[in-house]
């Protein structure tokens, strides 16, 4: 008599039961990666990523390839499998390029949506870290992907560009910031990435966006990420010129005694801005 095949729920439960097992439950994970159901393959991939099970990279890559041509609602399997490949530092350039190009339209109550947007984001970040690619080649692939229709994916592509060890990446980021984007948060990520790469030297560039009302909060938060006295000076000057509340909120994220000294005299307007600074001397009493 044939053995009854486990249900999807049973397969998921079996993987959950061995996720922390020692030694690594290789057989169970291989079976999970080979499973026909995307939820099971995704669960196995998540465990492989968490355990950094590099010996299973070929099986992860084979599963990712398989789910490009079989049902994968929500891109659940491919996203988890690509995250595993990234975590394992697997250098499959062709696979990552495939993910970066993939579009998967699915029906929903609000109309068709592209469930592959997060997959493209993971692929972009994997490309930025791929040791098999020269920085210039990685940058070319990411630039080609930058006009993605999804704002959240464009944000992650910009983050990926920021991870490329190339001076050309600085030029790309500055050019994109100047060209702008339909979504202000995309420009904000651009400015934040520039500040993260260049430090204090990038603050005058970011400050030039404070004059744009739609981009002011994005520019202010990027400047605040630097956290030094120059950031406070720029944001303080902008506040005195515009009295825009979001500038106070950005100053509050500095979480420094100097920021508190600036904000306390502005109570009650600065009350919300001071919330992140409650741990600093004098703030708790002032907000009581």
Protein backbone atom coordinates (compact mmCIF):
# COMPACT_ATOMS: atom_id res chain seq x y z
CA UNK A 1 0.00 0.00 0.00
CA UNK A 2 1.39 3.41 -1.03
CA UNK A 3 2.49 5.77 1.72
CA UNK A 4 0.16 8.74 2.03
CA UNK A 5 1.83 11.97 0.95
CA UNK A 6 2.09 14.60 3.73
CA UNK A 7 -0.23 17.57 3.43
CA UNK A 8 1.17 21.07 3.00
CA UNK A 9 0.35 21.81 6.64
CA UNK A 10 2.20 18.70 7.76
CA UNK A 11 5.22 19.59 5.62
CA UNK A 12 5.31 23.09 7.10
CA UNK A 13 4.98 21.69 10.62
CA UNK A 14 7.83 19.24 9.97
CA UNK A 15 10.12 22.04 8.85
CA UNK A 16 9.14 24.16 11.85
CA UNK A 17 9.99 21.26 14.15
CA UNK A 18 13.55 20.92 12.80
CA UNK A 19 14.42 24.56 12.13
CA UNK A 20 16.83 24.73 15.10
CA UNK A 21 17.89 21.07 15.07
CA UNK A 22 21.53 20.07 15.45
CA UNK A 23 23.13 18.90 13.32
CA UNK A 24 21.65 20.77 10.37
CA UNK A 25 18.58 18.84 9.11
CA UNK A 26 19.90 18.64 5.55
CA UNK A 27 17.54 15.93 4.32
CA UNK A 28 14.45 17.72 5.59
CA UNK A 29 15.57 21.02 4.08
CA UNK A 30 16.33 19.41 0.74
CA UNK A 31 12.86 17.90 0.72
CA UNK A 32 11.34 21.27 1.59
CA UNK A 33 13.23 23.04 -1.18
CA UNK A 34 12.10 20.42 -3.68
CA UNK A 35 8.45 20.64 -2.61
CA UNK A 36 5.94 21.61 -5.28
CA UNK A 37 4.13 24.09 -3.03
CA UNK A 38 5.59 27.56 -2.78
CA UNK A 39 4.81 27.98 0.94
CA UNK A 40 6.86 24.90 1.83
CA UNK A 41 9.80 25.86 -0.38
CA UNK A 42 9.70 29.39 1.09
CA UNK A 43 9.76 27.99 4.64
CA UNK A 44 12.74 25.79 3.83
CA UNK A 45 14.53 28.71 2.18
CA UNK A 46 14.02 30.90 5.25
CA UNK A 47 15.59 28.22 7.46
CA UNK A 48 18.51 27.79 5.04
CA UNK A 49 19.10 31.55 5.14
CA UNK A 50 18.89 31.73 8.93
CA UNK A 51 21.25 28.77 9.34
CA UNK A 52 23.64 30.01 6.63
CA UNK A 53 23.54 26.50 5.16
CA UNK A 54 25.93 27.14 2.27
CA UNK A 55 26.02 23.46 1.28
CA UNK A 56 22.40 23.80 0.16
CA UNK A 57 23.02 26.72 -2.21
CA UNK A 58 22.71 24.52 -5.33
CA UNK A 59 19.32 23.23 -4.16
CA UNK A 60 18.17 26.77 -3.37
CA UNK A 61 19.22 27.95 -6.84
CA UNK A 62 17.48 24.98 -8.50
CA UNK A 63 14.28 25.70 -6.55
CA UNK A 64 14.37 29.37 -7.56
CA UNK A 65 14.78 28.38 -11.19
CA UNK A 66 11.84 25.97 -10.89
CA UNK A 67 9.46 28.53 -9.43
CA UNK A 68 10.00 30.90 -12.34
CA UNK A 69 7.96 28.48 -14.43
CA UNK A 70 5.44 27.11 -11.93
CA UNK A 71 2.71 28.63 -9.74
CA UNK A 72 4.13 30.91 -7.05
CA UNK A 73 1.34 33.17 -5.72
CA UNK A 74 2.70 36.39 -4.31
CA UNK A 75 6.18 35.41 -5.50
CA UNK A 76 6.51 33.93 -2.01
CA UNK A 77 8.90 31.13 -2.93
CA UNK A 78 11.10 33.18 -5.24
CA UNK A 79 11.44 36.03 -2.73
CA UNK A 80 12.43 33.65 0.09
CA UNK A 81 14.78 31.70 -2.16
CA UNK A 82 16.50 34.86 -3.41
CA UNK A 83 16.89 36.06 0.18
CA UNK A 84 18.55 32.73 0.94
CA UNK A 85 20.89 33.05 -2.04
CA UNK A 86 21.82 36.53 -0.88
CA UNK A 87 22.40 35.35 2.70
CA UNK A 88 24.58 32.50 1.43
CA UNK A 89 26.61 34.97 -0.70
CA UNK A 90 25.85 32.83 -3.73
CA UNK A 91 27.35 34.40 -6.85
CA UNK A 92 24.80 33.38 -9.47
CA UNK A 93 24.81 36.54 -11.59
CA UNK A 94 22.44 35.13 -14.20
CA UNK A 95 19.89 34.19 -11.53
CA UNK A 96 20.03 37.62 -9.91
CA UNK A 97 19.60 39.31 -13.29
CA UNK A 98 16.59 37.12 -13.92
CA UNK A 99 15.06 38.23 -10.63
CA UNK A 100 15.83 41.86 -11.39
CA UNK A 101 13.82 41.64 -14.62
CA UNK A 102 10.92 39.55 -13.37
CA UNK A 103 7.37 40.92 -13.41
CA UNK A 104 4.46 38.88 -12.05
CA UNK A 105 1.04 40.48 -12.39
CA UNK A 106 -1.66 39.04 -10.15
CA UNK A 107 -5.33 39.78 -9.67
CA UNK A 108 -6.58 41.62 -6.58
CA UNK A 109 -9.69 43.53 -5.46
CA UNK A 110 -8.00 46.80 -6.33
CA UNK A 111 -6.92 45.63 -9.76
CA UNK A 112 -3.83 43.77 -11.00
CA UNK A 113 -0.64 44.24 -9.01
CA UNK A 114 2.96 43.22 -9.54
CA UNK A 115 3.89 40.74 -6.80
CA UNK A 116 7.49 40.55 -8.05
CA UNK A 117 8.44 44.06 -6.90
CA UNK A 118 10.01 42.79 -3.63
CA UNK A 119 11.83 40.09 -5.62
CA UNK A 120 13.44 42.73 -7.84
CA UNK A 121 14.49 44.62 -4.72
CA UNK A 122 16.18 41.54 -3.21
CA UNK A 123 17.87 40.81 -6.53
CA UNK A 124 19.21 44.37 -6.70
CA UNK A 125 20.71 44.13 -3.21
CA UNK A 126 22.20 40.72 -4.07
CA UNK A 127 23.80 42.16 -7.20
CA UNK A 128 25.41 44.95 -5.18
CA UNK A 129 27.07 42.32 -2.96
CA UNK A 130 27.89 39.77 -5.67
CA UNK A 131 31.61 39.01 -5.66
CA UNK A 132 31.43 37.64 -9.21
CA UNK A 133 30.64 41.12 -10.55
CA UNK A 134 33.06 43.99 -10.92
CA UNK A 135 31.65 47.15 -9.28
CA UNK A 136 31.22 48.84 -12.66
CA UNK A 137 29.26 45.87 -14.04
CA UNK A 138 27.05 45.73 -10.94
CA UNK A 139 26.40 49.45 -11.28
CA UNK A 140 25.37 49.09 -14.92
CA UNK A 141 22.80 46.44 -14.04
CA UNK A 142 21.38 48.55 -11.22
CA UNK A 143 21.18 51.71 -13.32
CA UNK A 144 19.27 49.80 -16.00
CA UNK A 145 16.83 48.64 -13.31
CA UNK A 146 16.37 52.05 -11.68
CA UNK A 147 13.29 53.11 -13.73
CA UNK A 148 11.29 50.39 -11.95
CA UNK A 149 7.55 51.23 -11.82
CA UNK A 150 7.36 50.54 -8.06
CA UNK A 151 8.64 53.27 -5.72
CA UNK A 152 9.62 50.83 -2.96
CA UNK A 153 11.69 48.85 -5.44
CA UNK A 154 13.39 52.01 -6.70
CA UNK A 155 14.27 52.80 -3.09
CA UNK A 156 15.96 49.43 -2.65
CA UNK A 157 17.76 49.78 -5.97
CA UNK A 158 19.17 53.09 -4.73
CA UNK A 159 20.24 51.40 -1.50
CA UNK A 160 21.95 48.75 -3.64
CA UNK A 161 23.72 51.41 -5.69
CA UNK A 162 24.91 52.93 -2.42
CA UNK A 163 26.56 49.60 -1.53
CA UNK A 164 28.61 49.45 -4.72
CA UNK A 165 32.24 50.32 -4.06
CA UNK A 166 32.66 52.70 -6.97
CA UNK A 167 33.11 56.44 -7.32
CA UNK A 168 30.71 56.31 -10.25
CA UNK A 169 27.97 55.37 -7.77
CA UNK A 170 28.27 58.82 -6.17
CA UNK A 171 27.66 60.47 -9.54
CA UNK A 172 24.66 58.23 -10.23
CA UNK A 173 23.07 59.05 -6.88
CA UNK A 174 23.60 62.80 -7.21
CA UNK A 175 22.26 62.77 -10.76
CA UNK A 176 19.16 60.83 -9.73
CA UNK A 177 18.53 63.24 -6.86
CA UNK A 178 18.71 66.23 -9.22
CA UNK A 179 16.49 64.56 -11.82
CA UNK A 180 13.91 63.84 -9.13
CA UNK A 181 11.21 61.20 -8.91
CA UNK A 182 7.43 61.02 -8.84
CA UNK A 183 7.71 59.70 -5.27
CA UNK A 184 9.42 62.11 -2.82
CA UNK A 185 10.58 59.19 -0.67
CA UNK A 186 12.71 57.94 -3.56
CA UNK A 187 14.60 61.24 -3.65
CA UNK A 188 14.80 61.01 0.14
CA UNK A 189 16.50 57.61 -0.10
CA UNK A 190 18.85 59.06 -2.69
CA UNK A 191 19.86 61.89 -0.34
CA UNK A 192 20.16 59.54 2.63
CA UNK A 193 22.41 57.19 0.67
CA UNK A 194 24.58 60.11 -0.43
CA UNK A 195 24.95 61.28 3.17
CA UNK A 196 25.77 57.75 4.32
CA UNK A 197 28.46 57.46 1.66
CA UNK A 198 29.99 60.92 1.88
CA UNK A 199 29.32 62.01 5.46
CA UNK A 200 29.45 65.69 6.38
CA UNK A 201 30.75 66.63 2.91
CA UNK A 202 27.32 65.73 1.47
CA UNK A 203 25.31 68.02 3.77
CA UNK A 204 25.44 71.16 1.58
CA UNK A 205 24.13 69.09 -1.34
CA UNK A 206 21.29 67.66 0.75
CA UNK A 207 20.56 71.12 2.18
CA UNK A 208 19.95 72.47 -1.33
CA UNK A 209 16.73 70.39 -1.37
CA UNK A 210 15.31 72.06 1.74
CA UNK A 211 13.88 74.87 -0.39
CA UNK A 212 11.56 72.39 -2.13
CA UNK A 213 8.40 72.09 -0.02
CA UNK A 214 7.64 68.58 -1.31
CA UNK A 215 11.16 67.34 -0.54
CA UNK A 216 11.85 69.30 2.64
CA UNK A 217 11.12 66.53 5.13
CA UNK A 218 13.05 64.01 3.02
CA UNK A 219 16.07 66.29 2.83
CA UNK A 220 15.83 67.15 6.53
CA UNK A 221 15.78 63.50 7.60
CA UNK A 222 18.75 62.72 5.35
CA UNK A 223 20.69 65.60 6.89
CA UNK A 224 19.74 64.49 10.40
CA UNK A 225 21.19 61.04 9.70
CA UNK A 226 24.65 62.61 9.84
CA UNK A 227 23.94 63.72 13.45
CA UNK A 228 26.89 66.07 13.78
CA UNK A 229 26.93 69.78 14.69
CA UNK A 230 26.86 70.79 11.02
CA UNK A 231 23.58 68.91 10.55
CA UNK A 232 22.05 70.77 13.49
CA UNK A 233 23.31 74.10 12.19
CA UNK A 234 21.76 73.51 8.76
CA UNK A 235 18.43 72.33 10.15
CA UNK A 236 18.32 75.10 12.74
CA UNK A 237 18.89 77.75 10.11
CA UNK A 238 16.18 76.23 7.90
CA UNK A 239 13.77 76.28 10.86
CA UNK A 240 14.39 79.97 11.52
CA UNK A 241 13.73 80.70 7.84
CA UNK A 242 10.58 78.61 7.37
CA UNK A 243 9.23 77.59 10.79
CA UNK A 244 8.20 74.29 9.23
CA UNK A 245 7.32 71.72 11.89
CA UNK A 246 9.00 68.82 10.10
CA UNK A 247 12.37 70.51 10.58
CA UNK A 248 11.88 70.29 14.35
CA UNK A 249 11.03 66.61 13.99
CA UNK A 250 14.25 66.05 12.07
CA UNK A 251 16.25 67.88 14.73
CA UNK A 252 14.68 65.65 17.37
CA UNK A 253 16.02 62.56 15.61
CA UNK A 254 19.56 63.82 16.26
CA UNK A 255 19.07 62.79 19.92
CA UNK A 256 21.97 64.95 21.09
CA UNK A 257 22.27 67.42 23.98
CA UNK A 258 22.78 70.19 21.42
CA UNK A 259 19.52 69.26 19.70
CA UNK A 260 17.71 69.33 23.05
CA UNK A 261 19.20 72.74 23.81
CA UNK A 262 17.79 73.99 20.50
CA UNK A 263 14.35 72.43 20.96
CA UNK A 264 13.55 73.16 24.62
CA UNK A 265 13.01 76.92 24.19
CA UNK A 266 10.58 76.18 21.37
CA UNK A 267 8.06 74.31 23.54
CA UNK A 268 5.18 73.63 23.06
CA UNK A 269 5.81 73.60 19.27
CA UNK A 270 8.74 71.21 19.74
CA UNK A 271 6.97 68.76 22.08
CA UNK A 272 6.70 65.95 19.52
CA UNK A 273 10.22 66.57 18.29
CA UNK A 274 11.55 66.09 21.81
CA UNK A 275 9.94 62.69 22.29
CA UNK A 276 12.95 60.75 20.90
CA UNK A 277 15.17 62.67 23.35
CA UNK A 278 13.35 61.71 26.58
CA UNK A 279 16.44 59.83 27.79
CA UNK A 280 18.52 63.02 27.78
CA UNK A 281 18.80 65.29 30.86
CA UNK A 282 15.98 67.76 31.34
CA UNK A 283 13.68 66.45 28.64
CA UNK A 284 11.41 64.25 30.77
CA UNK A 285 10.73 67.09 33.22
CA UNK A 286 10.10 69.55 30.39
CA UNK A 287 7.54 67.25 28.79
CA UNK A 288 5.76 66.39 32.05
